[in-house]
Every structure is written in C-alpha cells, then in structure tokens.
PDB file of N, CA and C in Angstrom:
ATOM      1  N   MET A   1      13.454  -5.615  33.955  1.00  0.00           N
ATOM      2  CA  MET A   1      13.413  -6.533  32.820  1.00  0.00           C
ATOM      3  C   MET A   1      12.051  -6.494  32.127  1.00  0.00           C
ATOM      4  N   ASN A   2      10.973  -6.483  32.892  1.00  0.00           N
ATOM      5  CA  ASN A   2       9.638  -6.459  32.298  1.00  0.00           C
ATOM      6  C   ASN A   2       9.401  -5.193  31.490  1.00  0.00           C
ATOM      7  N   LYS A   3       9.943  -4.071  31.971  1.00  0.00           N
ATOM      8  CA  LYS A   3       9.779  -2.820  31.235  1.00  0.00           C
ATOM      9  C   LYS A   3      10.483  -2.894  29.888  1.00  0.00           C
ATOM     10  N   ARG A   4      11.649  -3.544  29.879  1.00  0.00           N
ATOM     11  CA  ARG A   4      12.378  -3.698  28.619  1.00  0.00           C
ATOM     12  C   ARG A   4      11.595  -4.575  27.654  1.00  0.00           C
ATOM     13  N   LEU A   5      11.040  -5.655  28.166  1.00  0.00           N
ATOM     14  CA  LEU A   5      10.228  -6.531  27.314  1.00  0.00           C
ATOM     15  C   LEU A   5       8.992  -5.798  26.807  1.00  0.00           C
ATOM     16  N   ASP A   6       8.353  -5.050  27.681  1.00  0.00           N
ATOM     17  CA  ASP A   6       7.182  -4.274  27.265  1.00  0.00           C
ATOM     18  C   ASP A   6       7.546  -3.307  26.147  1.00  0.00           C
ATOM     19  N   LYS A   7       8.700  -2.657  26.278  1.00  0.00           N
ATOM     20  CA  LYS A   7       9.154  -1.713  25.259  1.00  0.00           C
ATOM     21  C   LYS A   7       9.421  -2.434  23.937  1.00  0.00           C
ATOM     22  N   ILE A   8      10.023  -3.603  24.017  1.00  0.00           N
ATOM     23  CA  ILE A   8      10.285  -4.392  22.804  1.00  0.00           C
ATOM     24  C   ILE A   8       8.973  -4.754  22.121  1.00  0.00           C
ATOM     25  N   TYR A   9       7.991  -5.201  22.899  1.00  0.00           N
ATOM     26  CA  TYR A   9       6.697  -5.561  22.320  1.00  0.00           C
ATOM     27  C   TYR A   9       5.987  -4.341  21.734  1.00  0.00           C
ATOM     28  N   GLU A  10       6.107  -3.214  22.402  1.00  0.00           N
ATOM     29  CA  GLU A  10       5.535  -1.970  21.870  1.00  0.00           C
ATOM     30  C   GLU A  10       6.167  -1.623  20.533  1.00  0.00           C
ATOM     31  N   ASP A  11       7.497  -1.718  20.482  1.00  0.00           N
ATOM     32  CA  ASP A  11       8.213  -1.424  19.241  1.00  0.00           C
ATOM     33  C   ASP A  11       7.811  -2.384  18.129  1.00  0.00           C
ATOM     34  N   MET A  12       7.659  -3.654  18.480  1.00  0.00           N
ATOM     35  CA  MET A  12       7.246  -4.645  17.483  1.00  0.00           C
ATOM     36  C   MET A  12       5.850  -4.325  16.958  1.00  0.00           C
ATOM     37  N   ASP A  13       4.938  -3.951  17.835  1.00  0.00           N
ATOM     38  CA  ASP A  13       3.586  -3.577  17.419  1.00  0.00           C
ATOM     39  C   ASP A  13       3.615  -2.356  16.511  1.00  0.00           C
ATOM     40  N   SER A  14       4.439  -1.394  16.882  1.00  0.00           N
ATOM     41  CA  SER A  14       4.555  -0.176  16.093  1.00  0.00           C
ATOM     42  C   SER A  14       5.082  -0.485  14.693  1.00  0.00           C
ATOM     43  N   LEU A  15       6.103  -1.336  14.630  1.00  0.00           N
ATOM     44  CA  LEU A  15       6.657  -1.719  13.331  1.00  0.00           C
ATOM     45  C   LEU A  15       5.635  -2.480  12.498  1.00  0.00           C
ATOM     46  N   GLU A  16       4.874  -3.337  13.129  1.00  0.00           N
ATOM     47  CA  GLU A  16       3.839  -4.085  12.410  1.00  0.00           C
ATOM     48  C   GLU A  16       2.788  -3.131  11.855  1.00  0.00           C
ATOM     49  N   ASN A  17       2.398  -2.133  12.646  1.00  0.00           N
ATOM     50  CA  ASN A  17       1.428  -1.148  12.166  1.00  0.00           C
ATOM     51  C   ASN A  17       1.987  -0.350  10.993  1.00  0.00           C
ATOM     52  N   GLU A  18       3.262   0.016  11.071  1.00  0.00           N
ATOM     53  CA  GLU A  18       3.897   0.735   9.964  1.00  0.00           C
ATOM     54  C   GLU A  18       3.944  -0.135   8.716  1.00  0.00           C
ATOM     55  N   ARG A  19       4.241  -1.411   8.899  1.00  0.00           N
ATOM     56  CA  ARG A  19       4.294  -2.342   7.764  1.00  0.00           C
ATOM     57  C   ARG A  19       2.920  -2.455   7.105  1.00  0.00           C
ATOM     58  N   ILE A  20       1.887  -2.555   7.911  1.00  0.00           N
ATOM     59  CA  ILE A  20       0.524  -2.643   7.385  1.00  0.00           C
ATOM     60  C   ILE A  20       0.161  -1.360   6.640  1.00  0.00           C
ATOM     61  N   ASP A  21       0.518  -0.212   7.207  1.00  0.00           N
ATOM     62  CA  ASP A  21       0.258   1.064   6.534  1.00  0.00           C
ATOM     63  C   ASP A  21       0.968   1.124   5.189  1.00  0.00           C
ATOM     64  N   CYS A  22       2.221   0.682   5.156  1.00  0.00           N
ATOM     65  CA  CYS A  22       2.981   0.679   3.898  1.00  0.00           C
ATOM     66  C   CYS A  22       2.321  -0.230   2.867  1.00  0.00           C
ATOM     67  N   LEU A  23       1.904  -1.403   3.297  1.00  0.00           N
ATOM     68  CA  LEU A  23       1.249  -2.331   2.376  1.00  0.00           C
ATOM     69  C   LEU A  23      -0.064  -1.754   1.854  1.00  0.00           C
ATOM     70  N   ASN A  24      -0.804  -1.072   2.716  1.00  0.00           N
ATOM     71  CA  ASN A  24      -2.051  -0.449   2.279  1.00  0.00           C
ATOM     72  C   ASN A  24      -1.795   0.653   1.260  1.00  0.00           C
ATOM     73  N   ARG A  25      -0.741   1.456   1.498  1.00  0.00           N
ATOM     74  CA  ARG A  25      -0.396   2.512   0.539  1.00  0.00           C
ATOM     75  C   ARG A  25       0.058   1.915  -0.785  1.00  0.00           C
ATOM     76  N   LEU A  26       0.849   0.846  -0.713  1.00  0.00           N
ATOM     77  CA  LEU A  26       1.304   0.167  -1.924  1.00  0.00           C
ATOM     78  C   LEU A  26       0.113  -0.368  -2.709  1.00  0.00           C
ATOM     79  N   GLU A  27      -0.827  -0.970  -2.031  1.00  0.00           N
ATOM     80  CA  GLU A  27      -2.021  -1.501  -2.685  1.00  0.00           C
ATOM     81  C   GLU A  27      -2.807  -0.381  -3.361  1.00  0.00           C
ATOM     82  N   ALA A  28      -2.923   0.756  -2.701  1.00  0.00           N
ATOM     83  CA  ALA A  28      -3.642   1.898  -3.280  1.00  0.00           C
ATOM     84  C   ALA A  28      -2.930   2.411  -4.524  1.00  0.00           C
ATOM     85  N   VAL A  29      -1.609   2.477  -4.480  1.00  0.00           N
ATOM     86  CA  VAL A  29      -0.837   2.934  -5.645  1.00  0.00           C
ATOM     87  C   VAL A  29      -0.997   1.953  -6.797  1.00  0.00           C
ATOM     88  N   GLN A  30      -0.925   0.668  -6.508  1.00  0.00           N
ATOM     89  CA  GLN A  30      -1.074  -0.338  -7.558  1.00  0.00           C
ATOM     90  C   GLN A  30      -2.469  -0.280  -8.173  1.00  0.00           C
ATOM     91  N   GLU A  31      -3.474  -0.056  -7.360  1.00  0.00           N
ATOM     92  CA  GLU A  31      -4.842   0.067  -7.864  1.00  0.00           C
ATOM     93  C   GLU A  31      -4.967   1.296  -8.762  1.00  0.00           C
ATOM     94  N   GLN A  32      -4.359   2.396  -8.350  1.00  0.00           N
ATOM     95  CA  GLN A  32      -4.383   3.617  -9.151  1.00  0.00           C
ATOM     96  C   GLN A  32      -3.681   3.389 -10.488  1.00  0.00           C
ATOM     97  N   GLN A  33      -2.553   2.703 -10.470  1.00  0.00           N
ATOM     98  CA  GLN A  33      -1.823   2.418 -11.707  1.00  0.00           C
ATOM     99  C   GLN A  33      -2.657   1.546 -12.631  1.00  0.00           C
ATOM    100  N   LEU A  34      -3.346   0.573 -12.075  1.00  0.00           N
ATOM    101  CA  LEU A  34      -4.211  -0.285 -12.876  1.00  0.00           C
ATOM    102  C   LEU A  34      -5.333   0.532 -13.502  1.00  0.00           C
ATOM    103  N   ASN A  35      -5.936   1.425 -12.723  1.00  0.00           N
ATOM    104  CA  ASN A  35      -6.991   2.285 -13.258  1.00  0.00           C
ATOM    105  C   ASN A  35      -6.467   3.155 -14.389  1.00  0.00           C
ATOM    106  N   GLU A  36      -5.256   3.688 -14.228  1.00  0.00           N
ATOM    107  CA  GLU A  36      -4.668   4.522 -15.274  1.00  0.00           C
ATOM    108  C   GLU A  36      -4.413   3.713 -16.540  1.00  0.00           C
ATOM    109  N   LYS A  37      -3.916   2.495 -16.391  1.00  0.00           N
ATOM    110  CA  LYS A  37      -3.676   1.633 -17.553  1.00  0.00           C
ATOM    111  C   LYS A  37      -4.985   1.332 -18.268  1.00  0.00           C
ATOM    112  N   GLN A  38      -6.032   1.039 -17.505  1.00  0.00           N
ATOM    113  CA  GLN A  38      -7.329   0.746 -18.111  1.00  0.00           C
ATOM    114  C   GLN A  38      -7.874   1.974 -18.825  1.00  0.00           C
ATOM    115  N   PHE A  39      -7.691   3.147 -18.244  1.00  0.00           N
ATOM    116  CA  PHE A  39      -8.142   4.383 -18.871  1.00  0.00           C
ATOM    117  C   PHE A  39      -7.410   4.605 -20.185  1.00  0.00           C
ATOM    118  N   ILE A  40      -6.090   4.424 -20.171  1.00  0.00           N
ATOM    119  CA  ILE A  40      -5.292   4.626 -21.386  1.00  0.00           C
ATOM    120  C   ILE A  40      -5.709   3.632 -22.462  1.00  0.00           C
ATOM    121  N   LYS A  41      -5.913   2.381 -22.070  1.00  0.00           N
ATOM    122  CA  LYS A  41      -6.336   1.357 -23.027  1.00  0.00           C
ATOM    123  C   LYS A  41      -7.683   1.737 -23.641  1.00  0.00           C
ATOM    124  N   CYS A  42      -8.603   2.182 -22.812  1.00  0.00           N
ATOM    125  CA  CYS A  42      -9.925   2.607 -23.288  1.00  0.00           C
ATOM    126  C   CYS A  42      -9.793   3.815 -24.206  1.00  0.00           C
ATOM    127  N   PHE A  43      -8.972   4.782 -23.817  1.00  0.00           N
ATOM    128  CA  PHE A  43      -8.766   5.994 -24.616  1.00  0.00           C
ATOM    129  C   PHE A  43      -8.238   5.635 -25.997  1.00  0.00           C
ATOM    130  N   TRP A  44      -7.216   4.773 -26.053  1.00  0.00           N
ATOM    131  CA  TRP A  44      -6.631   4.412 -27.342  1.00  0.00           C
ATOM    132  C   TRP A  44      -7.608   3.617 -28.192  1.00  0.00           C
ATOM    133  N   SER A  45      -8.424   2.786 -27.579  1.00  0.00           N
ATOM    134  CA  SER A  45      -9.399   2.033 -28.372  1.00  0.00           C
ATOM    135  C   SER A  45     -10.446   2.971 -28.964  1.00  0.00           C
ATOM    136  N   LEU A  46     -10.787   4.040 -28.248  1.00  0.00           N
ATOM    137  CA  LEU A  46     -11.746   5.012 -28.776  1.00  0.00           C
ATOM    138  C   LEU A  46     -11.138   5.878 -29.870  1.00  0.00           C
ATOM    139  N   THR A  47      -9.860   6.190 -29.769  1.00  0.00           N
ATOM    140  CA  THR A  47      -9.227   7.042 -30.782  1.00  0.00           C
ATOM    141  C   THR A  47      -8.913   6.272 -32.048  1.00  0.00           C
ATOM    142  N   ASN A  48      -8.948   4.954 -31.982  1.00  0.00           N
ATOM    143  CA  ASN A  48      -8.641   4.141 -33.163  1.00  0.00           C
ATOM    144  C   ASN A  48      -9.900   3.588 -33.820  1.00  0.00           C
ATOM    145  N   LEU A  49     -11.018   4.201 -33.563  1.00  0.00           N
ATOM    146  CA  LEU A  49     -12.273   3.732 -34.178  1.00  0.00           C
ATOM    147  C   LEU A  49     -12.309   4.070 -35.652  1.00  0.00           C
TER     148      LEU A  49
END
C-alpha cells in the first residue's frame, strides 16, 4: 500500500512540475508576443512621421 501511495505522490509531483513548465513556457510566449506588438507599434509610428 505504501508503495502505491508513494507512486501516486511521485506522479502528482511530476504533473505539478509539468504544469509549472507549461506555465513558464506560456509566460515566455506571451512576453514574446508583447515585445512583437510593441515593435510593430514602434515601427508604424516611425513610418508615419
């Protein structure tokens, strides 16, 4: 029984780590998208001088 519980806790930890990794990747993508939007906004403001 203890081995089964240990395995469940291991799996839960693994899933939590995967969730954190996914959230970190999502945050990086969102930051990149924001940077791209800011670049485009800056580019268009310079071309409309």
